[in-house]
Amino acid sequence: MADQNGHRGQWTGCAVIFLQSLCPAVDLLSLYKDQEQGKFIIFKVIKLTLIDSAGGLGGYEILKVHEADPFLGVEVKFEDAAACQQFLESYSSGAVRESLCQHASRLLALTQEITVETQLKASTHILDLCLDKLELCLQHIHLSKPERLRDEEIERLEQLLQSQALGPIAQDEGPVPSNCFKFQNKVFEDRMLTAADVQSFSNGVGRHWKLVGRALGKSCRALKSPAIDNLAYEYEREGLYEQAYQLLSRFIQAEGRAAKLSQLVRALEDCKLTSLAENILDIQP
């Protein structure tokens, strides 16, 4: 697969992600095109999804969001082969679509999670048709060079997003109380994990459950090696949901009253699964 070090700083490529909501009540193209607040929300959905799927904030940039009726087109420039490869793996597994749906439902304050149809192209190549050949997809993206600099509107939306993210810092400079924890510069009351947390985690973590398990295992003996691999083998037939469910259930069983929300959120942050942490915090009683 891609050389994560050799390509850094010199590897570039371009891909366009096409998005369309399959929910009649939510038109992503209209929201972005016709409403200023809608435009910012849709941009934030796209940005958070890229952070989740490409492994953080670096290695890529959004160049333009444009109309491709009935789709909304998002042109992304990749500047690092490793970030591009991670995005492709996330896209191939369905994690990109899942992240889009979760972020859109939360930020648009929808009562039900929407379904988003996606298509990924590099130049004239439809990458959805060859996702089983990630090296080929990576090559198509690498050969597709960006034809433009970043759009001025994208610059403005990026600055707006950054100012929003930095806003709470000045307002919250005091010490965090012992029964609370901090996430994204906001303070949340800590509590024991609930059945609702386990369900949300199991629904959203997908193939990343092992990573979270290893992060939790740093402070939980019950999840030390080879416990996680044993869980994977034991519940392989039941699928990812059951594997994730059993993982967090075992953590709660082992830690008892010490199995806290803050530990799960910290583990999700360590694994760059911030969208899942946000979803779990949103359902906090």
C-alpha atoms as a PDB file:
ATOM      1  CA  MET A   1       0.000   0.000   0.000  1.00  0.00           C
ATOM      2  CA  ALA A   2       0.990   3.676   0.030  1.00  0.00           C
ATOM      3  CA  ASP A   3       4.324   4.668   1.478  1.00  0.00           C
ATOM      4  CA  GLN A   4       3.319   6.909   4.341  1.00  0.00           C
ATOM      5  CA  ASN A   5       6.701   8.605   4.666  1.00  0.00           C
ATOM      6  CA  GLY A   6       8.205   8.619   1.201  1.00  0.00           C
ATOM      7  CA  HIS A   7       5.246  10.413  -0.372  1.00  0.00           C
ATOM      8  CA  ARG A   8       4.773  13.031   2.336  1.00  0.00           C
ATOM      9  CA  GLY A   9       5.195  16.586   1.080  1.00  0.00           C
ATOM     10  CA  GLN A  10       5.414  15.684  -2.613  1.00  0.00           C
ATOM     11  CA  TRP A  11       2.387  13.465  -3.276  1.00  0.00           C
ATOM     12  CA  THR A  12      -0.751  15.233  -4.556  1.00  0.00           C
ATOM     13  CA  GLY A  13      -3.988  14.159  -6.146  1.00  0.00           C
ATOM     14  CA  CYS A  14      -7.571  15.234  -6.576  1.00  0.00           C
ATOM     15  CA  ALA A  15     -10.976  13.580  -6.154  1.00  0.00           C
ATOM     16  CA  VAL A  16     -14.572  14.771  -6.278  1.00  0.00           C
ATOM     17  CA  ILE A  17     -17.171  13.398  -3.862  1.00  0.00           C
ATOM     18  CA  PHE A  18     -20.770  13.707  -5.057  1.00  0.00           C
ATOM     19  CA  LEU A  19     -23.451  13.802  -2.355  1.00  0.00           C
ATOM     20  CA  GLN A  20     -27.221  13.485  -2.523  1.00  0.00           C
ATOM     21  CA  SER A  21     -29.715  13.032   0.292  1.00  0.00           C
ATOM     22  CA  LEU A  22     -32.271  10.290  -0.321  1.00  0.00           C
ATOM     23  CA  CYS A  23     -34.595  11.923   2.208  1.00  0.00           C
ATOM     24  CA  PRO A  24     -37.229  14.027   0.323  1.00  0.00           C
ATOM     25  CA  ALA A  25     -37.335  16.605   3.111  1.00  0.00           C
ATOM     26  CA  VAL A  26     -33.574  17.309   2.974  1.00  0.00           C
ATOM     27  CA  ASP A  27     -32.029  18.664  -0.233  1.00  0.00           C
ATOM     28  CA  LEU A  28     -28.296  19.132   0.371  1.00  0.00           C
ATOM     29  CA  LEU A  29     -27.825  21.064  -2.865  1.00  0.00           C
ATOM     30  CA  SER A  30     -30.601  23.552  -2.063  1.00  0.00           C
ATOM     31  CA  LEU A  31     -29.437  23.972   1.521  1.00  0.00           C
ATOM     32  CA  TYR A  32     -25.919  24.795   0.381  1.00  0.00           C
ATOM     33  CA  LYS A  33     -26.962  26.994  -2.514  1.00  0.00           C
ATOM     34  CA  ASP A  34     -29.892  28.962  -1.127  1.00  0.00           C
ATOM     35  CA  GLN A  35     -29.310  29.474   2.612  1.00  0.00           C
ATOM     36  CA  GLU A  36     -26.268  31.032   4.300  1.00  0.00           C
ATOM     37  CA  GLN A  37     -26.800  29.064   7.519  1.00  0.00           C
ATOM     38  CA  GLY A  38     -27.509  25.930   5.508  1.00  0.00           C
ATOM     39  CA  LYS A  39     -24.306  26.459   3.524  1.00  0.00           C
ATOM     40  CA  PHE A  40     -22.244  26.641   6.705  1.00  0.00           C
ATOM     41  CA  ILE A  41     -23.893  23.541   8.206  1.00  0.00           C
ATOM     42  CA  ILE A  42     -23.362  21.464   5.056  1.00  0.00           C
ATOM     43  CA  PHE A  43     -19.732  22.613   4.877  1.00  0.00           C
ATOM     44  CA  LYS A  44     -19.262  21.635   8.521  1.00  0.00           C
ATOM     45  CA  VAL A  45     -20.779  18.197   7.809  1.00  0.00           C
ATOM     46  CA  ILE A  46     -18.300  17.692   4.953  1.00  0.00           C
ATOM     47  CA  LYS A  47     -15.341  18.924   7.004  1.00  0.00           C
ATOM     48  CA  LEU A  48     -16.126  16.724  10.025  1.00  0.00           C
ATOM     49  CA  THR A  49     -16.584  13.714   7.747  1.00  0.00           C
ATOM     50  CA  LEU A  50     -13.152  14.300   6.177  1.00  0.00           C
ATOM     51  CA  ILE A  51     -11.581  14.640   9.629  1.00  0.00           C
ATOM     52  CA  ASP A  52     -13.110  11.304  10.622  1.00  0.00           C
ATOM     53  CA  SER A  53     -12.259   9.457   7.419  1.00  0.00           C
ATOM     54  CA  ALA A  54      -8.813  10.848   6.516  1.00  0.00           C
ATOM     55  CA  GLY A  55      -7.349  10.578  10.002  1.00  0.00           C
ATOM     56  CA  GLY A  56      -7.360  14.200  11.204  1.00  0.00           C
ATOM     57  CA  LEU A  57      -6.988  17.723   9.891  1.00  0.00           C
ATOM     58  CA  GLY A  58      -3.904  17.308   7.683  1.00  0.00           C
ATOM     59  CA  GLY A  59      -3.109  15.819   4.311  1.00  0.00           C
ATOM     60  CA  TYR A  60      -5.984  17.285   2.308  1.00  0.00           C
ATOM     61  CA  GLU A  61      -7.976  20.457   1.654  1.00  0.00           C
ATOM     62  CA  ILE A  62     -11.395  21.240   0.230  1.00  0.00           C
ATOM     63  CA  LEU A  63     -10.977  23.286  -2.956  1.00  0.00           C
ATOM     64  CA  LYS A  64     -14.566  23.858  -4.006  1.00  0.00           C
ATOM     65  CA  VAL A  65     -18.147  22.827  -3.320  1.00  0.00           C
ATOM     66  CA  HIS A  66     -20.228  23.113  -6.479  1.00  0.00           C
ATOM     67  CA  GLU A  67     -23.580  22.288  -8.032  1.00  0.00           C
ATOM     68  CA  ALA A  68     -23.852  19.004  -9.942  1.00  0.00           C
ATOM     69  CA  ASP A  69     -27.629  18.665  -9.941  1.00  0.00           C
ATOM     70  CA  PRO A  70     -29.040  16.582  -8.272  1.00  0.00           C
ATOM     71  CA  PHE A  71     -25.712  16.075  -6.487  1.00  0.00           C
ATOM     72  CA  LEU A  72     -23.562  18.424  -4.460  1.00  0.00           C
ATOM     73  CA  GLY A  73     -19.950  18.100  -5.658  1.00  0.00           C
ATOM     74  CA  VAL A  74     -17.023  18.423  -3.237  1.00  0.00           C
ATOM     75  CA  GLU A  75     -13.589  18.768  -4.819  1.00  0.00           C
ATOM     76  CA  VAL A  76     -10.827  17.617  -2.474  1.00  0.00           C
ATOM     77  CA  LYS A  77      -7.071  17.956  -2.995  1.00  0.00           C
ATOM     78  CA  PHE A  78      -5.013  15.305  -1.214  1.00  0.00           C
ATOM     79  CA  GLU A  79      -1.472  16.278  -0.247  1.00  0.00           C
ATOM     80  CA  ASP A  80      -0.461  13.053   1.456  1.00  0.00           C
ATOM     81  CA  ALA A  81      -0.746   9.495   0.156  1.00  0.00           C
ATOM     82  CA  ALA A  82      -1.385   8.086   3.636  1.00  0.00           C
ATOM     83  CA  ALA A  83      -4.329  10.431   4.250  1.00  0.00           C
ATOM     84  CA  CYS A  84      -5.726   9.629   0.805  1.00  0.00           C
ATOM     85  CA  GLN A  85      -5.355   5.907   1.410  1.00  0.00           C
ATOM     86  CA  GLN A  86      -7.106   6.145   4.786  1.00  0.00           C
ATOM     87  CA  PHE A  87      -9.947   8.095   3.170  1.00  0.00           C
ATOM     88  CA  LEU A  88     -10.288   5.443   0.447  1.00  0.00           C
ATOM     89  CA  GLU A  89     -10.402   2.673   3.047  1.00  0.00           C
ATOM     90  CA  SER A  90     -13.077   4.568   4.984  1.00  0.00           C
ATOM     91  CA  TYR A  91     -15.045   5.205   1.801  1.00  0.00           C
ATOM     92  CA  SER A  92     -14.770   1.562   0.736  1.00  0.00           C
ATOM     93  CA  SER A  93     -16.005   0.295   4.112  1.00  0.00           C
ATOM     94  CA  GLY A  94     -19.023   2.629   4.126  1.00  0.00           C
ATOM     95  CA  ALA A  95     -17.639   4.687   7.023  1.00  0.00           C
ATOM     96  CA  VAL A  96     -17.659   7.926   4.977  1.00  0.00           C
ATOM     97  CA  ARG A  97     -21.351   7.578   4.159  1.00  0.00           C
ATOM     98  CA  GLU A  98     -22.099   6.649   7.765  1.00  0.00           C
ATOM     99  CA  SER A  99     -20.210   9.681   9.057  1.00  0.00           C
ATOM    100  CA  LEU A 100     -21.994  11.986   6.581  1.00  0.00           C
ATOM    101  CA  CYS A 101     -25.386  10.689   7.696  1.00  0.00           C
ATOM    102  CA  GLN A 102     -24.592  11.043  11.410  1.00  0.00           C
ATOM    103  CA  HIS A 103     -23.181  14.563  11.127  1.00  0.00           C
ATOM    104  CA  ALA A 104     -25.974  15.770   8.820  1.00  0.00           C
ATOM    105  CA  SER A 105     -28.705  14.375  11.074  1.00  0.00           C
ATOM    106  CA  ARG A 106     -27.157  15.942  14.181  1.00  0.00           C
ATOM    107  CA  LEU A 107     -26.265  19.368  12.755  1.00  0.00           C
ATOM    108  CA  LEU A 108     -29.553  19.733  10.852  1.00  0.00           C
ATOM    109  CA  ALA A 109     -31.411  18.670  14.036  1.00  0.00           C
ATOM    110  CA  LEU A 110     -33.344  15.920  12.254  1.00  0.00           C
ATOM    111  CA  THR A 111     -35.521  13.512  14.202  1.00  0.00           C
ATOM    112  CA  GLN A 112     -34.350  10.577  12.083  1.00  0.00           C
ATOM    113  CA  GLU A 113     -30.978   9.833  10.513  1.00  0.00           C
ATOM    114  CA  ILE A 114     -30.964  10.623   6.799  1.00  0.00           C
ATOM    115  CA  THR A 115     -29.497   8.427   4.082  1.00  0.00           C
ATOM    116  CA  VAL A 116     -26.888   9.982   1.798  1.00  0.00           C
ATOM    117  CA  GLU A 117     -25.969   8.597  -1.622  1.00  0.00           C
ATOM    118  CA  THR A 118     -22.349   9.129  -2.630  1.00  0.00           C
ATOM    119  CA  GLN A 119     -20.189   8.789  -5.706  1.00  0.00           C
ATOM    120  CA  LEU A 120     -16.410   9.228  -5.867  1.00  0.00           C
ATOM    121  CA  LYS A 121     -14.610  10.293  -9.048  1.00  0.00           C
ATOM    122  CA  ALA A 122     -11.047  11.104 -10.061  1.00  0.00           C
ATOM    123  CA  SER A 123     -11.036  12.847 -13.441  1.00  0.00           C
ATOM    124  CA  THR A 124     -13.314  10.634 -15.592  1.00  0.00           C
ATOM    125  CA  HIS A 125     -12.835   7.531 -13.437  1.00  0.00           C
ATOM    126  CA  ILE A 126     -15.729   6.446 -11.195  1.00  0.00           C
ATOM    127  CA  LEU A 127     -13.851   4.987  -8.248  1.00  0.00           C
ATOM    128  CA  ASP A 128     -16.934   3.254  -6.818  1.00  0.00           C
ATOM    129  CA  LEU A 129     -16.453   0.671  -9.576  1.00  0.00           C
ATOM    130  CA  CYS A 130     -12.958  -0.334  -8.441  1.00  0.00           C
ATOM    131  CA  LEU A 131     -12.970   0.077  -4.660  1.00  0.00           C
ATOM    132  CA  ASP A 132     -11.715  -3.490  -4.303  1.00  0.00           C
ATOM    133  CA  LYS A 133      -8.454  -2.256  -5.892  1.00  0.00           C
ATOM    134  CA  LEU A 134      -7.361   0.535  -3.548  1.00  0.00           C
ATOM    135  CA  GLU A 135      -3.943   0.946  -5.159  1.00  0.00           C
ATOM    136  CA  LEU A 136      -5.631   1.587  -8.509  1.00  0.00           C
ATOM    137  CA  CYS A 137      -7.962   4.157  -6.909  1.00  0.00           C
ATOM    138  CA  LEU A 138      -4.964   5.811  -5.272  1.00  0.00           C
ATOM    139  CA  GLN A 139      -3.222   5.982  -8.650  1.00  0.00           C
ATOM    140  CA  HIS A 140      -6.279   7.524 -10.355  1.00  0.00           C
ATOM    141  CA  ILE A 141      -6.452  10.211  -7.652  1.00  0.00           C
ATOM    142  CA  HIS A 142      -2.709  10.845  -7.896  1.00  0.00           C
ATOM    143  CA  LEU A 143      -2.928  11.305 -11.682  1.00  0.00           C
ATOM    144  CA  SER A 144      -5.891  13.678 -11.321  1.00  0.00           C
ATOM    145  CA  LYS A 145      -4.317  17.058 -10.590  1.00  0.00           C
ATOM    146  CA  PRO A 146      -6.341  19.979  -9.192  1.00  0.00           C
ATOM    147  CA  GLU A 147      -7.238  22.528 -11.837  1.00  0.00           C
ATOM    148  CA  ARG A 148      -7.893  25.406  -9.445  1.00  0.00           C
ATOM    149  CA  LEU A 149      -6.791  27.008  -6.209  1.00  0.00           C
ATOM    150  CA  ARG A 150      -9.057  26.948  -3.195  1.00  0.00           C
ATOM    151  CA  ASP A 151     -12.304  28.827  -3.786  1.00  0.00           C
ATOM    152  CA  GLU A 152     -12.687  32.135  -1.907  1.00  0.00           C
ATOM    153  CA  GLU A 153     -16.003  30.969  -0.483  1.00  0.00           C
ATOM    154  CA  ILE A 154     -14.322  27.877   0.967  1.00  0.00           C
ATOM    155  CA  GLU A 155     -11.675  30.118   2.550  1.00  0.00           C
ATOM    156  CA  ARG A 156     -14.454  32.155   4.185  1.00  0.00           C
ATOM    157  CA  LEU A 157     -16.267  29.030   5.458  1.00  0.00           C
ATOM    158  CA  GLU A 158     -13.000  27.597   6.831  1.00  0.00           C
ATOM    159  CA  GLN A 159     -12.337  30.822   8.744  1.00  0.00           C
ATOM    160  CA  LEU A 160     -15.895  30.829  10.069  1.00  0.00           C
ATOM    161  CA  LEU A 161     -15.531  27.229  11.205  1.00  0.00           C
ATOM    162  CA  GLN A 162     -12.218  27.950  12.918  1.00  0.00           C
ATOM    163  CA  SER A 163     -13.604  30.990  14.714  1.00  0.00           C
ATOM    164  CA  GLN A 164     -16.554  28.909  15.917  1.00  0.00           C
ATOM    165  CA  ALA A 165     -14.243  26.144  17.138  1.00  0.00           C
ATOM    166  CA  LEU A 166     -12.007  28.600  18.991  1.00  0.00           C
ATOM    167  CA  GLY A 167     -14.907  30.554  20.488  1.00  0.00           C
ATOM    168  CA  PRO A 168     -15.457  28.710  23.783  1.00  0.00           C
ATOM    169  CA  ILE A 169     -11.760  28.828  24.810  1.00  0.00           C
ATOM    170  CA  ALA A 170     -11.883  32.393  26.056  1.00  0.00           C
ATOM    171  CA  GLN A 171     -15.167  31.746  27.864  1.00  0.00           C
ATOM    172  CA  ASP A 172     -13.949  28.673  29.735  1.00  0.00           C
ATOM    173  CA  GLU A 173     -10.556  29.211  31.310  1.00  0.00           C
ATOM    174  CA  GLY A 174     -11.344  27.983  34.824  1.00  0.00           C
ATOM    175  CA  PRO A 175     -10.398  24.565  36.223  1.00  0.00           C
ATOM    176  CA  VAL A 176     -12.608  21.621  35.269  1.00  0.00           C
ATOM    177  CA  PRO A 177     -14.555  20.274  38.308  1.00  0.00           C
ATOM    178  CA  SER A 178     -13.561  16.778  39.469  1.00  0.00           C
ATOM    179  CA  ASN A 179     -16.935  15.312  38.430  1.00  0.00           C
ATOM    180  CA  CYS A 180     -16.662  16.762  34.904  1.00  0.00           C
ATOM    181  CA  PHE A 181     -14.493  16.415  31.818  1.00  0.00           C
ATOM    182  CA  LYS A 182     -13.611  18.559  28.827  1.00  0.00           C
ATOM    183  CA  PHE A 183     -14.344  17.717  25.202  1.00  0.00           C
ATOM    184  CA  GLN A 184     -13.865  20.148  22.293  1.00  0.00           C
ATOM    185  CA  ASN A 185     -13.378  23.008  24.784  1.00  0.00           C
ATOM    186  CA  LYS A 186     -16.729  22.357  26.451  1.00  0.00           C
ATOM    187  CA  VAL A 187     -17.282  20.928  29.913  1.00  0.00           C
ATOM    188  CA  PHE A 188     -19.548  17.901  30.395  1.00  0.00           C
ATOM    189  CA  GLU A 189     -20.702  16.239  33.591  1.00  0.00           C
ATOM    190  CA  ASP A 190     -19.141  12.805  33.951  1.00  0.00           C
ATOM    191  CA  ARG A 191     -21.304   9.769  34.711  1.00  0.00           C
ATOM    192  CA  MET A 192     -21.398   5.997  34.453  1.00  0.00           C
ATOM    193  CA  LEU A 193     -21.899   4.507  31.013  1.00  0.00           C
ATOM    194  CA  THR A 194     -25.483   3.504  30.215  1.00  0.00           C
ATOM    195  CA  ALA A 195     -27.191   0.970  27.959  1.00  0.00           C
ATOM    196  CA  ALA A 196     -27.961   3.845  25.552  1.00  0.00           C
ATOM    197  CA  ASP A 197     -24.237   4.638  25.335  1.00  0.00           C
ATOM    198  CA  VAL A 198     -23.441   0.999  24.558  1.00  0.00           C
ATOM    199  CA  GLN A 199     -26.061   0.950  21.801  1.00  0.00           C
ATOM    200  CA  SER A 200     -24.890   4.235  20.260  1.00  0.00           C
ATOM    201  CA  PHE A 201     -21.283   3.081  20.376  1.00  0.00           C
ATOM    202  CA  SER A 202     -22.101  -0.298  18.820  1.00  0.00           C
ATOM    203  CA  ASN A 203     -24.176   1.303  16.051  1.00  0.00           C
ATOM    204  CA  GLY A 204     -21.575   3.900  15.122  1.00  0.00           C
ATOM    205  CA  VAL A 205     -18.074   2.531  15.687  1.00  0.00           C
ATOM    206  CA  GLY A 206     -18.085  -0.023  12.846  1.00  0.00           C
ATOM    207  CA  ARG A 207     -14.749  -1.615  12.005  1.00  0.00           C
ATOM    208  CA  HIS A 208     -12.886   0.728  14.393  1.00  0.00           C
ATOM    209  CA  TRP A 209     -14.091  -1.107  17.518  1.00  0.00           C
ATOM    210  CA  LYS A 210     -10.734  -2.832  17.999  1.00  0.00           C
ATOM    211  CA  LEU A 211      -8.878   0.512  18.001  1.00  0.00           C
ATOM    212  CA  VAL A 212     -11.208   1.854  20.691  1.00  0.00           C
ATOM    213  CA  GLY A 213     -10.817  -1.383  22.631  1.00  0.00           C
ATOM    214  CA  ARG A 214      -7.033  -1.007  22.663  1.00  0.00           C
ATOM    215  CA  ALA A 215      -7.374   2.612  23.801  1.00  0.00           C
ATOM    216  CA  LEU A 216      -9.672   1.525  26.658  1.00  0.00           C
ATOM    217  CA  GLY A 217      -7.321  -1.360  27.393  1.00  0.00           C
ATOM    218  CA  LYS A 218      -4.585   1.055  28.473  1.00  0.00           C
ATOM    219  CA  SER A 219      -6.422   1.412  31.792  1.00  0.00           C
ATOM    220  CA  CYS A 220      -8.539  -1.773  31.825  1.00  0.00           C
ATOM    221  CA  ARG A 221      -6.951  -5.156  32.474  1.00  0.00           C
ATOM    222  CA  ALA A 222      -9.927  -7.030  31.035  1.00  0.00           C
ATOM    223  CA  LEU A 223      -9.162  -5.574  27.589  1.00  0.00           C
ATOM    224  CA  LYS A 224      -5.439  -6.308  27.549  1.00  0.00           C
ATOM    225  CA  SER A 225      -4.096  -8.515  24.747  1.00  0.00           C
ATOM    226  CA  PRO A 226      -5.315 -11.075  23.655  1.00  0.00           C
ATOM    227  CA  ALA A 227      -8.805 -10.267  24.983  1.00  0.00           C
ATOM    228  CA  ILE A 228      -9.760  -8.107  21.989  1.00  0.00           C
ATOM    229  CA  ASP A 229      -8.630 -10.661  19.425  1.00  0.00           C
ATOM    230  CA  ASN A 230     -10.572 -13.316  21.342  1.00  0.00           C
ATOM    231  CA  LEU A 231     -13.703 -11.154  21.154  1.00  0.00           C
ATOM    232  CA  ALA A 232     -13.182 -10.671  17.413  1.00  0.00           C
ATOM    233  CA  TYR A 233     -12.938 -14.435  16.896  1.00  0.00           C
ATOM    234  CA  GLU A 234     -15.771 -15.360  19.258  1.00  0.00           C
ATOM    235  CA  TYR A 235     -18.321 -12.960  17.735  1.00  0.00           C
ATOM    236  CA  GLU A 236     -17.088 -12.900  14.131  1.00  0.00           C
ATOM    237  CA  ARG A 237     -20.277 -14.482  12.792  1.00  0.00           C
ATOM    238  CA  GLU A 238     -22.514 -11.995  14.613  1.00  0.00           C
ATOM    239  CA  GLY A 239     -20.811  -9.029  12.923  1.00  0.00           C
ATOM    240  CA  LEU A 240     -19.330  -5.660  13.882  1.00  0.00           C
ATOM    241  CA  TYR A 241     -22.280  -4.456  15.976  1.00  0.00           C
ATOM    242  CA  GLU A 242     -22.127  -7.471  18.300  1.00  0.00           C
ATOM    243  CA  GLN A 243     -18.325  -7.323  18.552  1.00  0.00           C
ATOM    244  CA  ALA A 244     -18.479  -3.651  19.568  1.00  0.00           C
ATOM    245  CA  TYR A 245     -21.389  -4.344  21.947  1.00  0.00           C
ATOM    246  CA  GLN A 246     -19.505  -7.146  23.696  1.00  0.00           C
ATOM    247  CA  LEU A 247     -16.351  -5.008  23.925  1.00  0.00           C
ATOM    248  CA  LEU A 248     -18.005  -2.119  25.744  1.00  0.00           C
ATOM    249  CA  SER A 249     -20.141  -4.468  27.860  1.00  0.00           C
ATOM    250  CA  ARG A 250     -16.978  -6.253  28.995  1.00  0.00           C
ATOM    251  CA  PHE A 251     -15.382  -2.904  29.835  1.00  0.00           C
ATOM    252  CA  ILE A 252     -18.383  -1.910  31.964  1.00  0.00           C
ATOM    253  CA  GLN A 253     -18.496  -5.316  33.649  1.00  0.00           C
ATOM    254  CA  ALA A 254     -14.789  -5.158  34.516  1.00  0.00           C
ATOM    255  CA  GLU A 255     -14.684  -1.527  35.654  1.00  0.00           C
ATOM    256  CA  GLY A 256     -18.053  -1.384  37.395  1.00  0.00           C
ATOM    257  CA  ARG A 257     -18.884   2.095  38.699  1.00  0.00           C
ATOM    258  CA  ALA A 258     -15.526   3.307  37.391  1.00  0.00           C
ATOM    259  CA  ALA A 259     -16.633   2.776  33.759  1.00  0.00           C
ATOM    260  CA  LYS A 260     -17.214   6.430  33.003  1.00  0.00           C
ATOM    261  CA  LEU A 261     -18.375   8.419  30.002  1.00  0.00           C
ATOM    262  CA  SER A 262     -15.130  10.424  30.053  1.00  0.00           C
ATOM    263  CA  GLN A 263     -13.062   7.262  29.483  1.00  0.00           C
ATOM    264  CA  LEU A 264     -15.072   6.318  26.397  1.00  0.00           C
ATOM    265  CA  VAL A 265     -14.956   9.856  24.984  1.00  0.00           C
ATOM    266  CA  ARG A 266     -11.194  10.038  25.569  1.00  0.00           C
ATOM    267  CA  ALA A 267     -10.704   6.697  23.804  1.00  0.00           C
ATOM    268  CA  LEU A 268     -12.816   7.866  20.857  1.00  0.00           C
ATOM    269  CA  GLU A 269     -10.779  11.086  20.656  1.00  0.00           C
ATOM    270  CA  ASP A 270      -7.540   9.077  20.659  1.00  0.00           C
ATOM    271  CA  CYS A 271      -8.909   7.065  17.714  1.00  0.00           C
ATOM    272  CA  LYS A 272     -10.047  10.235  15.884  1.00  0.00           C
ATOM    273  CA  LEU A 273     -13.699   9.187  16.125  1.00  0.00           C
ATOM    274  CA  THR A 274     -14.898  12.597  17.248  1.00  0.00           C
ATOM    275  CA  SER A 275     -18.236  12.363  15.451  1.00  0.00           C
ATOM    276  CA  LEU A 276     -19.188   9.262  17.432  1.00  0.00           C
ATOM    277  CA  ALA A 277     -18.161  10.981  20.672  1.00  0.00           C
ATOM    278  CA  GLU A 278     -20.391  13.937  19.735  1.00  0.00           C
ATOM    279  CA  ASN A 279     -23.323  11.647  19.062  1.00  0.00           C
ATOM    280  CA  ILE A 280     -22.944   9.903  22.391  1.00  0.00           C
ATOM    281  CA  LEU A 281     -22.690  13.210  24.231  1.00  0.00           C
ATOM    282  CA  ASP A 282     -25.819  14.477  22.481  1.00  0.00           C
ATOM    283  CA  ILE A 283     -27.881  11.666  24.037  1.00  0.00           C
ATOM    284  CA  GLN A 284     -26.461  12.297  27.504  1.00  0.00           C
ATOM    285  CA  PRO A 285     -29.342  12.548  30.025  1.00  0.00           C
END
